[in-house]
Amino acid sequence: MMGIITAERAGHSLPTSPVEPAVLGTPGLVVLGITALAVSLCDAEIVPPAAGALLLLTLCGGLGQLLVAARDWRRGNIFSATVFAAYGLFWLSLIPLVILPRAGQGASPQAQALSAYLAIWGIFSIVLFRSFAKNNRSMRVMFGFLASFLLLAAAGAATQSNPMQTTSGYVGILFGIDAVVVGFVRNRSEKGQGHQGDTYSIGRKGR
């Protein structure tokens, strides 16, 4: 304690590890995008819905995001851990609510209940969209697609409108592609920053 007070009085800045606000990890973005693509391609009726394949992809996607959330939590990135844990559980919840009933296993939920559930997740995505309103345009666009996808899906469930559900599928495809692209771009950016840091440290040692 005395050492900290002495350092502050001497005018020296204390060593800190700044955390960039609202940072999402690359693996989680890619898994989130691929899972959304799998579900949305079936909703848009571009790919014939195969219950077994969709069940497996959704299960792997949800569990994958939970694993990413656990990794980010251990690294101290609480924001990323919260986001990916939430959406990982969301995809897993779609298995008994939507995927299994489509395969004839279990009863489908009431249209109003499913619509309200999807709308709540759409509102949650709007909150995340607002969190990126000032510092990250690519993330803002991505969560804008996600919020639109979920709200359109909620409207389609409430009205039982097939065109509305198809439209939500196409918006979900846009979101999935965008999430995967943002994830890979972020990965390349992180690698580039790492190489620059290595070059700088070598230069310092050579002096």
C-alpha atoms as a PDB file:
ATOM      1  CA  MET A   1       0.000   0.000   0.000  1.00  0.00           C
ATOM      2  CA  MET A   2       2.807   2.422   0.899  1.00  0.00           C
ATOM      3  CA  GLY A   3       4.528   1.586  -2.379  1.00  0.00           C
ATOM      4  CA  ILE A   4       1.424   2.532  -4.344  1.00  0.00           C
ATOM      5  CA  ILE A   5       1.074   5.827  -2.480  1.00  0.00           C
ATOM      6  CA  THR A   6       4.764   6.602  -3.061  1.00  0.00           C
ATOM      7  CA  ALA A   7       4.457   5.919  -6.786  1.00  0.00           C
ATOM      8  CA  GLU A   8       1.434   8.206  -7.064  1.00  0.00           C
ATOM      9  CA  ARG A   9       3.201  10.997  -5.203  1.00  0.00           C
ATOM     10  CA  ALA A  10       6.258  10.668  -7.408  1.00  0.00           C
ATOM     11  CA  GLY A  11       4.080  11.384 -10.425  1.00  0.00           C
ATOM     12  CA  HIS A  12       4.596   7.992 -12.057  1.00  0.00           C
ATOM     13  CA  SER A  13       1.672   6.277 -13.726  1.00  0.00           C
ATOM     14  CA  LEU A  14       0.860   2.943 -12.214  1.00  0.00           C
ATOM     15  CA  PRO A  15       0.991  -0.108 -14.524  1.00  0.00           C
ATOM     16  CA  THR A  16      -2.457  -0.932 -15.789  1.00  0.00           C
ATOM     17  CA  SER A  17      -3.880  -3.244 -18.407  1.00  0.00           C
ATOM     18  CA  PRO A  18      -6.496  -1.196 -20.279  1.00  0.00           C
ATOM     19  CA  VAL A  19      -9.511  -3.139 -21.486  1.00  0.00           C
ATOM     20  CA  GLU A  20     -11.119  -2.044 -24.723  1.00  0.00           C
ATOM     21  CA  PRO A  21     -14.860  -1.590 -24.142  1.00  0.00           C
ATOM     22  CA  ALA A  22     -17.337  -3.834 -25.922  1.00  0.00           C
ATOM     23  CA  VAL A  23     -14.867  -6.329 -27.392  1.00  0.00           C
ATOM     24  CA  LEU A  24     -16.112  -9.641 -28.770  1.00  0.00           C
ATOM     25  CA  GLY A  25     -13.757 -12.547 -29.383  1.00  0.00           C
ATOM     26  CA  THR A  26     -13.124 -13.850 -32.898  1.00  0.00           C
ATOM     27  CA  PRO A  27     -14.076 -17.530 -32.338  1.00  0.00           C
ATOM     28  CA  GLY A  28     -17.404 -16.571 -30.812  1.00  0.00           C
ATOM     29  CA  LEU A  29     -18.302 -14.313 -33.730  1.00  0.00           C
ATOM     30  CA  VAL A  30     -17.537 -17.044 -36.275  1.00  0.00           C
ATOM     31  CA  VAL A  31     -19.518 -19.693 -34.384  1.00  0.00           C
ATOM     32  CA  LEU A  32     -22.412 -17.261 -33.879  1.00  0.00           C
ATOM     33  CA  GLY A  33     -22.478 -16.470 -37.597  1.00  0.00           C
ATOM     34  CA  ILE A  34     -22.306 -20.104 -38.733  1.00  0.00           C
ATOM     35  CA  THR A  35     -25.114 -21.118 -36.362  1.00  0.00           C
ATOM     36  CA  ALA A  36     -27.308 -18.270 -37.587  1.00  0.00           C
ATOM     37  CA  LEU A  37     -26.591 -19.267 -41.195  1.00  0.00           C
ATOM     38  CA  ALA A  38     -27.653 -22.862 -40.539  1.00  0.00           C
ATOM     39  CA  VAL A  39     -30.983 -21.795 -39.027  1.00  0.00           C
ATOM     40  CA  SER A  40     -31.649 -18.971 -41.491  1.00  0.00           C
ATOM     41  CA  LEU A  41     -31.016 -21.031 -44.627  1.00  0.00           C
ATOM     42  CA  CYS A  42     -33.836 -23.312 -43.513  1.00  0.00           C
ATOM     43  CA  ASP A  43     -36.115 -20.395 -42.554  1.00  0.00           C
ATOM     44  CA  ALA A  44     -35.556 -18.789 -45.943  1.00  0.00           C
ATOM     45  CA  GLU A  45     -36.374 -22.137 -47.602  1.00  0.00           C
ATOM     46  CA  ILE A  46     -33.109 -22.065 -49.540  1.00  0.00           C
ATOM     47  CA  VAL A  47     -32.020 -25.369 -48.037  1.00  0.00           C
ATOM     48  CA  PRO A  48     -34.572 -28.122 -47.322  1.00  0.00           C
ATOM     49  CA  PRO A  49     -34.880 -28.364 -43.533  1.00  0.00           C
ATOM     50  CA  ALA A  50     -33.184 -31.589 -42.414  1.00  0.00           C
ATOM     51  CA  ALA A  51     -34.085 -31.920 -38.744  1.00  0.00           C
ATOM     52  CA  GLY A  52     -31.090 -34.066 -37.835  1.00  0.00           C
ATOM     53  CA  ALA A  53     -28.501 -31.805 -39.466  1.00  0.00           C
ATOM     54  CA  LEU A  54     -30.107 -28.628 -38.119  1.00  0.00           C
ATOM     55  CA  LEU A  55     -30.297 -30.146 -34.642  1.00  0.00           C
ATOM     56  CA  LEU A  56     -26.608 -31.072 -34.719  1.00  0.00           C
ATOM     57  CA  LEU A  57     -25.477 -27.681 -36.054  1.00  0.00           C
ATOM     58  CA  THR A  58     -27.572 -25.762 -33.536  1.00  0.00           C
ATOM     59  CA  LEU A  59     -26.362 -27.961 -30.670  1.00  0.00           C
ATOM     60  CA  CYS A  60     -22.708 -27.572 -31.673  1.00  0.00           C
ATOM     61  CA  GLY A  61     -23.148 -23.826 -32.211  1.00  0.00           C
ATOM     62  CA  GLY A  62     -24.766 -23.279 -28.827  1.00  0.00           C
ATOM     63  CA  LEU A  63     -22.198 -25.377 -26.961  1.00  0.00           C
ATOM     64  CA  GLY A  64     -19.362 -23.744 -28.918  1.00  0.00           C
ATOM     65  CA  GLN A  65     -20.474 -20.289 -27.833  1.00  0.00           C
ATOM     66  CA  LEU A  66     -20.701 -21.421 -24.213  1.00  0.00           C
ATOM     67  CA  LEU A  67     -17.111 -22.684 -24.434  1.00  0.00           C
ATOM     68  CA  VAL A  68     -15.999 -19.356 -25.908  1.00  0.00           C
ATOM     69  CA  ALA A  69     -17.871 -17.569 -23.110  1.00  0.00           C
ATOM     70  CA  ALA A  70     -16.037 -19.650 -20.488  1.00  0.00           C
ATOM     71  CA  ARG A  71     -12.686 -18.859 -22.143  1.00  0.00           C
ATOM     72  CA  ASP A  72     -13.439 -15.121 -22.300  1.00  0.00           C
ATOM     73  CA  TRP A  73     -14.574 -15.142 -18.668  1.00  0.00           C
ATOM     74  CA  ARG A  74     -11.254 -16.639 -17.581  1.00  0.00           C
ATOM     75  CA  ARG A  75      -9.440 -13.982 -19.617  1.00  0.00           C
ATOM     76  CA  GLY A  76     -11.368 -11.210 -17.907  1.00  0.00           C
ATOM     77  CA  ASN A  77     -13.479 -10.180 -20.903  1.00  0.00           C
ATOM     78  CA  ILE A  78     -16.791 -10.128 -19.040  1.00  0.00           C
ATOM     79  CA  PHE A  79     -18.687  -8.385 -21.831  1.00  0.00           C
ATOM     80  CA  SER A  80     -17.792 -10.998 -24.439  1.00  0.00           C
ATOM     81  CA  ALA A  81     -18.456 -13.853 -22.005  1.00  0.00           C
ATOM     82  CA  THR A  82     -21.920 -12.487 -21.221  1.00  0.00           C
ATOM     83  CA  VAL A  83     -22.871 -11.989 -24.864  1.00  0.00           C
ATOM     84  CA  PHE A  84     -21.748 -15.398 -26.073  1.00  0.00           C
ATOM     85  CA  ALA A  85     -23.182 -17.233 -23.049  1.00  0.00           C
ATOM     86  CA  ALA A  86     -26.533 -15.544 -23.685  1.00  0.00           C
ATOM     87  CA  TYR A  87     -26.675 -16.363 -27.386  1.00  0.00           C
ATOM     88  CA  GLY A  88     -25.299 -19.855 -26.807  1.00  0.00           C
ATOM     89  CA  LEU A  89     -28.212 -20.570 -24.481  1.00  0.00           C
ATOM     90  CA  PHE A  90     -30.576 -18.962 -26.987  1.00  0.00           C
ATOM     91  CA  TRP A  91     -29.575 -21.352 -29.776  1.00  0.00           C
ATOM     92  CA  LEU A  92     -29.852 -24.310 -27.414  1.00  0.00           C
ATOM     93  CA  SER A  93     -33.337 -23.170 -26.378  1.00  0.00           C
ATOM     94  CA  LEU A  94     -34.462 -23.264 -30.025  1.00  0.00           C
ATOM     95  CA  ILE A  95     -33.932 -27.048 -30.096  1.00  0.00           C
ATOM     96  CA  PRO A  96     -36.956 -27.947 -27.910  1.00  0.00           C
ATOM     97  CA  LEU A  97     -38.959 -24.879 -28.951  1.00  0.00           C
ATOM     98  CA  VAL A  98     -38.632 -25.009 -32.746  1.00  0.00           C
ATOM     99  CA  ILE A  99     -36.394 -27.714 -34.190  1.00  0.00           C
ATOM    100  CA  LEU A 100     -37.756 -30.812 -32.416  1.00  0.00           C
ATOM    101  CA  PRO A 101     -41.430 -29.874 -32.959  1.00  0.00           C
ATOM    102  CA  ARG A 102     -40.705 -29.429 -36.676  1.00  0.00           C
ATOM    103  CA  ALA A 103     -39.364 -32.976 -36.686  1.00  0.00           C
ATOM    104  CA  GLY A 104     -42.536 -34.227 -35.009  1.00  0.00           C
ATOM    105  CA  GLN A 105     -40.947 -34.596 -31.568  1.00  0.00           C
ATOM    106  CA  GLY A 106     -43.007 -32.723 -29.005  1.00  0.00           C
ATOM    107  CA  ALA A 107     -45.613 -29.989 -29.260  1.00  0.00           C
ATOM    108  CA  SER A 108     -44.926 -26.588 -30.741  1.00  0.00           C
ATOM    109  CA  PRO A 109     -45.236 -23.618 -28.373  1.00  0.00           C
ATOM    110  CA  GLN A 110     -48.123 -21.215 -28.751  1.00  0.00           C
ATOM    111  CA  ALA A 111     -47.542 -18.632 -31.463  1.00  0.00           C
ATOM    112  CA  GLN A 112     -47.860 -15.697 -29.066  1.00  0.00           C
ATOM    113  CA  ALA A 113     -45.471 -17.234 -26.549  1.00  0.00           C
ATOM    114  CA  LEU A 114     -42.823 -17.969 -29.206  1.00  0.00           C
ATOM    115  CA  SER A 115     -43.266 -14.470 -30.661  1.00  0.00           C
ATOM    116  CA  ALA A 116     -42.794 -12.846 -27.252  1.00  0.00           C
ATOM    117  CA  TYR A 117     -39.705 -14.976 -26.599  1.00  0.00           C
ATOM    118  CA  LEU A 118     -38.086 -14.007 -29.905  1.00  0.00           C
ATOM    119  CA  ALA A 119     -39.053 -10.351 -29.405  1.00  0.00           C
ATOM    120  CA  ILE A 120     -37.287 -10.291 -26.022  1.00  0.00           C
ATOM    121  CA  TRP A 121     -34.091 -11.508 -27.678  1.00  0.00           C
ATOM    122  CA  GLY A 122     -34.571  -8.895 -30.387  1.00  0.00           C
ATOM    123  CA  ILE A 123     -34.753  -6.191 -27.718  1.00  0.00           C
ATOM    124  CA  PHE A 124     -31.623  -7.619 -26.089  1.00  0.00           C
ATOM    125  CA  SER A 125     -29.865  -7.350 -29.461  1.00  0.00           C
ATOM    126  CA  ILE A 126     -30.989  -3.722 -29.759  1.00  0.00           C
ATOM    127  CA  VAL A 127     -29.353  -3.029 -26.386  1.00  0.00           C
ATOM    128  CA  LEU A 128     -26.112  -4.512 -27.706  1.00  0.00           C
ATOM    129  CA  PHE A 129     -26.523  -2.476 -30.897  1.00  0.00           C
ATOM    130  CA  ARG A 130     -26.709   0.650 -28.765  1.00  0.00           C
ATOM    131  CA  SER A 131     -23.573  -0.348 -26.843  1.00  0.00           C
ATOM    132  CA  PHE A 132     -21.611  -0.166 -30.112  1.00  0.00           C
ATOM    133  CA  ALA A 133     -23.232   3.097 -31.235  1.00  0.00           C
ATOM    134  CA  LYS A 134     -20.069   5.177 -30.846  1.00  0.00           C
ATOM    135  CA  ASN A 135     -16.998   2.987 -31.052  1.00  0.00           C
ATOM    136  CA  ASN A 136     -17.430   0.170 -33.577  1.00  0.00           C
ATOM    137  CA  ARG A 137     -19.343   0.524 -36.828  1.00  0.00           C
ATOM    138  CA  SER A 138     -18.903  -3.073 -38.002  1.00  0.00           C
ATOM    139  CA  MET A 139     -20.303  -4.464 -34.747  1.00  0.00           C
ATOM    140  CA  ARG A 140     -23.162  -1.978 -34.891  1.00  0.00           C
ATOM    141  CA  VAL A 141     -24.151  -3.169 -38.367  1.00  0.00           C
ATOM    142  CA  MET A 142     -23.859  -6.807 -37.310  1.00  0.00           C
ATOM    143  CA  PHE A 143     -26.132  -6.423 -34.287  1.00  0.00           C
ATOM    144  CA  GLY A 144     -28.514  -4.342 -36.373  1.00  0.00           C
ATOM    145  CA  PHE A 145     -28.925  -7.350 -38.672  1.00  0.00           C
ATOM    146  CA  LEU A 146     -29.332  -9.660 -35.670  1.00  0.00           C
ATOM    147  CA  ALA A 147     -31.996  -7.485 -34.031  1.00  0.00           C
ATOM    148  CA  SER A 148     -33.890  -7.215 -37.321  1.00  0.00           C
ATOM    149  CA  PHE A 149     -33.687 -10.990 -37.832  1.00  0.00           C
ATOM    150  CA  LEU A 150     -35.116 -11.752 -34.396  1.00  0.00           C
ATOM    151  CA  LEU A 151     -37.855  -9.118 -34.530  1.00  0.00           C
ATOM    152  CA  LEU A 152     -38.952 -10.263 -37.993  1.00  0.00           C
ATOM    153  CA  ALA A 153     -38.963 -13.859 -36.756  1.00  0.00           C
ATOM    154  CA  ALA A 154     -41.110 -12.725 -33.813  1.00  0.00           C
ATOM    155  CA  ALA A 155     -43.534 -10.989 -36.171  1.00  0.00           C
ATOM    156  CA  GLY A 156     -43.655 -14.074 -38.395  1.00  0.00           C
ATOM    157  CA  ALA A 157     -44.409 -16.301 -35.410  1.00  0.00           C
ATOM    158  CA  ALA A 158     -47.154 -13.973 -34.187  1.00  0.00           C
ATOM    159  CA  THR A 159     -48.893 -13.629 -37.553  1.00  0.00           C
ATOM    160  CA  GLN A 160     -48.086 -17.137 -38.836  1.00  0.00           C
ATOM    161  CA  SER A 161     -47.013 -15.389 -42.026  1.00  0.00           C
ATOM    162  CA  ASN A 162     -44.813 -17.541 -44.245  1.00  0.00           C
ATOM    163  CA  PRO A 163     -43.473 -14.537 -46.270  1.00  0.00           C
ATOM    164  CA  MET A 164     -42.499 -12.807 -43.014  1.00  0.00           C
ATOM    165  CA  GLN A 165     -40.660 -15.888 -41.799  1.00  0.00           C
ATOM    166  CA  THR A 166     -38.885 -16.193 -45.146  1.00  0.00           C
ATOM    167  CA  THR A 167     -37.852 -12.540 -44.961  1.00  0.00           C
ATOM    168  CA  SER A 168     -36.465 -13.057 -41.468  1.00  0.00           C
ATOM    169  CA  GLY A 169     -34.467 -15.983 -42.862  1.00  0.00           C
ATOM    170  CA  TYR A 170     -32.847 -13.783 -45.501  1.00  0.00           C
ATOM    171  CA  VAL A 171     -31.989 -11.140 -42.909  1.00  0.00           C
ATOM    172  CA  GLY A 172     -30.530 -13.902 -40.720  1.00  0.00           C
ATOM    173  CA  ILE A 173     -28.353 -14.987 -43.649  1.00  0.00           C
ATOM    174  CA  LEU A 174     -27.029 -11.438 -43.956  1.00  0.00           C
ATOM    175  CA  PHE A 175     -26.297 -11.419 -40.242  1.00  0.00           C
ATOM    176  CA  GLY A 176     -24.534 -14.789 -40.363  1.00  0.00           C
ATOM    177  CA  ILE A 177     -22.309 -13.784 -43.274  1.00  0.00           C
ATOM    178  CA  ASP A 178     -21.526 -10.447 -41.640  1.00  0.00           C
ATOM    179  CA  ALA A 179     -20.631 -12.075 -38.303  1.00  0.00           C
ATOM    180  CA  VAL A 180     -18.263 -14.552 -39.970  1.00  0.00           C
ATOM    181  CA  VAL A 181     -16.605 -11.804 -42.037  1.00  0.00           C
ATOM    182  CA  VAL A 182     -16.218  -9.508 -39.018  1.00  0.00           C
ATOM    183  CA  GLY A 183     -14.735 -12.398 -37.049  1.00  0.00           C
ATOM    184  CA  PHE A 184     -12.119 -13.222 -39.704  1.00  0.00           C
ATOM    185  CA  VAL A 185     -11.263  -9.545 -40.267  1.00  0.00           C
ATOM    186  CA  ARG A 186     -10.812  -9.086 -36.541  1.00  0.00           C
ATOM    187  CA  ASN A 187      -8.600 -12.175 -36.421  1.00  0.00           C
ATOM    188  CA  ARG A 188      -6.335 -10.786 -39.152  1.00  0.00           C
ATOM    189  CA  SER A 189      -6.192  -7.430 -37.398  1.00  0.00           C
ATOM    190  CA  GLU A 190      -5.190  -9.044 -34.099  1.00  0.00           C
ATOM    191  CA  LYS A 191      -2.459 -11.072 -35.819  1.00  0.00           C
ATOM    192  CA  GLY A 192      -1.151  -7.968 -37.567  1.00  0.00           C
ATOM    193  CA  GLN A 193      -0.953  -6.073 -34.297  1.00  0.00           C
ATOM    194  CA  GLY A 194       0.884  -9.009 -32.737  1.00  0.00           C
ATOM    195  CA  HIS A 195       3.516  -9.038 -35.517  1.00  0.00           C
ATOM    196  CA  GLN A 196       4.017  -5.295 -35.184  1.00  0.00           C
ATOM    197  CA  GLY A 197       4.545  -5.678 -31.441  1.00  0.00           C
ATOM    198  CA  ASP A 198       7.125  -8.421 -31.987  1.00  0.00           C
ATOM    199  CA  THR A 199       9.037  -6.276 -34.486  1.00  0.00           C
ATOM    200  CA  TYR A 200       9.099  -3.346 -32.086  1.00  0.00           C
ATOM    201  CA  SER A 201      10.396  -5.427 -29.186  1.00  0.00           C
ATOM    202  CA  ILE A 202      13.177  -6.918 -31.361  1.00  0.00           C
ATOM    203  CA  GLY A 203      14.223  -3.442 -32.401  1.00  0.00           C
ATOM    204  CA  ARG A 204      14.428  -2.348 -28.805  1.00  0.00           C
ATOM    205  CA  LYS A 205      16.594  -5.293 -27.878  1.00  0.00           C
ATOM    206  CA  GLY A 206      18.983  -4.597 -30.729  1.00  0.00           C
ATOM    207  CA  ARG A 207      19.734  -1.105 -29.488  1.00  0.00           C
END
